[in-house]
Amino acid sequence: MNSKRVALTTFDNPYDPFMQFDRWFLYDVGRGYNSCSFLARIAKTSDSLSEEENETEIERAIDEIVKQDFTNTYKKVTR
C-alpha cells in the first residue's frame, strides 16, 4: 500500500489536516469551504474498490479540484 497520504486544504487554513484535524475541520467549515464534502462529491470512491484504489481516486479528485480552482483557494498537501 502507498504510504503517501494526501489531503485537500485551503491556503488560508493555518491547521494541519493530518495532525490537527479537529481544528482544521472547524476552521474549514466555519469559513464555509466544506472541503471534505466538496471532495466527497468529486471523488468516485466505492466500497467495492480496495483501500489503495480509493486512495488513488481521492488523490485524483484533489488534483482535479486544485487544477480547476481559478480562485486559488485550494491546495494539495502530502505526508
C-alpha atoms as a PDB file:
ATOM      1  CA  MET A   1       0.000   0.000   0.000  1.00  0.00           C
ATOM      2  CA  ASN A   2       1.124   3.546  -0.728  1.00  0.00           C
ATOM      3  CA  SER A   3       2.476   5.238   2.409  1.00  0.00           C
ATOM      4  CA  LYS A   4       1.980   8.721   0.965  1.00  0.00           C
ATOM      5  CA  ARG A   5      -1.069  10.490   2.349  1.00  0.00           C
ATOM      6  CA  VAL A   6      -2.753  13.433   0.636  1.00  0.00           C
ATOM      7  CA  ALA A   7      -5.345  15.950   1.760  1.00  0.00           C
ATOM      8  CA  LEU A   8      -7.237  18.894   0.352  1.00  0.00           C
ATOM      9  CA  THR A   9      -6.952  22.156   2.277  1.00  0.00           C
ATOM     10  CA  THR A  10      -7.179  25.885   1.688  1.00  0.00           C
ATOM     11  CA  PHE A  11      -4.269  28.312   1.521  1.00  0.00           C
ATOM     12  CA  ASP A  12      -5.596  30.307   4.489  1.00  0.00           C
ATOM     13  CA  ASN A  13      -6.177  27.388   6.873  1.00  0.00           C
ATOM     14  CA  PRO A  14      -3.391  27.507   9.488  1.00  0.00           C
ATOM     15  CA  TYR A  15      -4.052  23.980  10.790  1.00  0.00           C
ATOM     16  CA  ASP A  16      -2.549  20.705   9.613  1.00  0.00           C
ATOM     17  CA  PRO A  17      -5.305  18.411   8.283  1.00  0.00           C
ATOM     18  CA  PHE A  18      -3.214  15.359   9.268  1.00  0.00           C
ATOM     19  CA  MET A  19      -2.125  16.295  12.790  1.00  0.00           C
ATOM     20  CA  GLN A  20      -4.769  18.866  13.820  1.00  0.00           C
ATOM     21  CA  PHE A  21      -7.841  17.571  12.020  1.00  0.00           C
ATOM     22  CA  ASP A  22     -10.447  18.830  14.522  1.00  0.00           C
ATOM     23  CA  ARG A  23      -9.099  22.388  14.447  1.00  0.00           C
ATOM     24  CA  TRP A  24      -8.555  22.189  10.699  1.00  0.00           C
ATOM     25  CA  PHE A  25     -12.143  20.996  10.174  1.00  0.00           C
ATOM     26  CA  LEU A  26     -13.680  23.683  12.403  1.00  0.00           C
ATOM     27  CA  TYR A  27     -11.750  26.395  10.571  1.00  0.00           C
ATOM     28  CA  ASP A  28     -12.701  24.938   7.177  1.00  0.00           C
ATOM     29  CA  VAL A  29     -16.413  24.620   7.922  1.00  0.00           C
ATOM     30  CA  GLY A  30     -16.509  27.921   9.803  1.00  0.00           C
ATOM     31  CA  ARG A  31     -15.252  29.713   6.688  1.00  0.00           C
ATOM     32  CA  GLY A  32     -17.817  27.937   4.510  1.00  0.00           C
ATOM     33  CA  TYR A  33     -15.332  25.909   2.444  1.00  0.00           C
ATOM     34  CA  ASN A  34     -16.698  22.481   3.431  1.00  0.00           C
ATOM     35  CA  SER A  35     -13.663  20.867   1.786  1.00  0.00           C
ATOM     36  CA  CYS A  36     -14.494  17.344   2.987  1.00  0.00           C
ATOM     37  CA  SER A  37     -17.979  17.500   1.471  1.00  0.00           C
ATOM     38  CA  PHE A  38     -16.631  19.065  -1.715  1.00  0.00           C
ATOM     39  CA  LEU A  39     -14.036  16.310  -2.066  1.00  0.00           C
ATOM     40  CA  ALA A  40     -16.660  13.638  -1.370  1.00  0.00           C
ATOM     41  CA  ARG A  41     -18.768  14.982  -4.262  1.00  0.00           C
ATOM     42  CA  ILE A  42     -15.846  14.841  -6.707  1.00  0.00           C
ATOM     43  CA  ALA A  43     -14.129  11.585  -5.681  1.00  0.00           C
ATOM     44  CA  LYS A  44     -15.721   8.459  -7.103  1.00  0.00           C
ATOM     45  CA  THR A  45     -14.921   6.145  -4.201  1.00  0.00           C
ATOM     46  CA  SER A  46     -16.702   2.877  -3.525  1.00  0.00           C
ATOM     47  CA  ASP A  47     -16.883   0.057  -1.009  1.00  0.00           C
ATOM     48  CA  SER A  48     -16.250  -2.276  -3.945  1.00  0.00           C
ATOM     49  CA  LEU A  49     -12.796  -0.718  -4.513  1.00  0.00           C
ATOM     50  CA  SER A  50      -9.714  -1.597  -2.493  1.00  0.00           C
ATOM     51  CA  GLU A  51      -8.353   0.895   0.021  1.00  0.00           C
ATOM     52  CA  GLU A  52      -5.475   1.622  -2.346  1.00  0.00           C
ATOM     53  CA  GLU A  53      -7.860   2.213  -5.276  1.00  0.00           C
ATOM     54  CA  ASN A  54      -9.952   4.594  -3.154  1.00  0.00           C
ATOM     55  CA  GLU A  55      -6.826   6.480  -2.055  1.00  0.00           C
ATOM     56  CA  THR A  56      -5.766   6.807  -5.697  1.00  0.00           C
ATOM     57  CA  GLU A  57      -9.226   8.125  -6.592  1.00  0.00           C
ATOM     58  CA  ILE A  58      -9.154  10.636  -3.735  1.00  0.00           C
ATOM     59  CA  GLU A  59      -5.792  11.938  -4.929  1.00  0.00           C
ATOM     60  CA  ARG A  60      -7.135  12.187  -8.489  1.00  0.00           C
ATOM     61  CA  ALA A  61     -10.109  14.194  -7.228  1.00  0.00           C
ATOM     62  CA  ILE A  62      -7.861  16.507  -5.186  1.00  0.00           C
ATOM     63  CA  ASP A  63      -5.687  17.092  -8.262  1.00  0.00           C
ATOM     64  CA  GLU A  64      -8.804  17.885 -10.297  1.00  0.00           C
ATOM     65  CA  ILE A  65     -10.112  20.340  -7.681  1.00  0.00           C
ATOM     66  CA  VAL A  66      -6.763  22.148  -7.500  1.00  0.00           C
ATOM     67  CA  LYS A  67      -6.460  22.248 -11.303  1.00  0.00           C
ATOM     68  CA  GLN A  68      -9.963  23.725 -11.723  1.00  0.00           C
ATOM     69  CA  ASP A  69      -9.602  26.186  -8.802  1.00  0.00           C
ATOM     70  CA  PHE A  70      -9.331  29.522 -10.570  1.00  0.00           C
ATOM     71  CA  THR A  71      -9.812  31.409  -7.283  1.00  0.00           C
ATOM     72  CA  ASN A  72      -6.592  29.862  -5.892  1.00  0.00           C
ATOM     73  CA  THR A  73      -8.401  28.745  -2.729  1.00  0.00           C
ATOM     74  CA  TYR A  74      -7.414  25.085  -2.513  1.00  0.00           C
ATOM     75  CA  LYS A  75      -4.133  23.235  -2.325  1.00  0.00           C
ATOM     76  CA  LYS A  76      -2.983  19.641  -2.011  1.00  0.00           C
ATOM     77  CA  VAL A  77      -0.826  18.700   0.962  1.00  0.00           C
ATOM     78  CA  THR A  78       1.168  15.484   1.246  1.00  0.00           C
ATOM     79  CA  ARG A  79       2.617  13.452   4.109  1.00  0.00           C
END
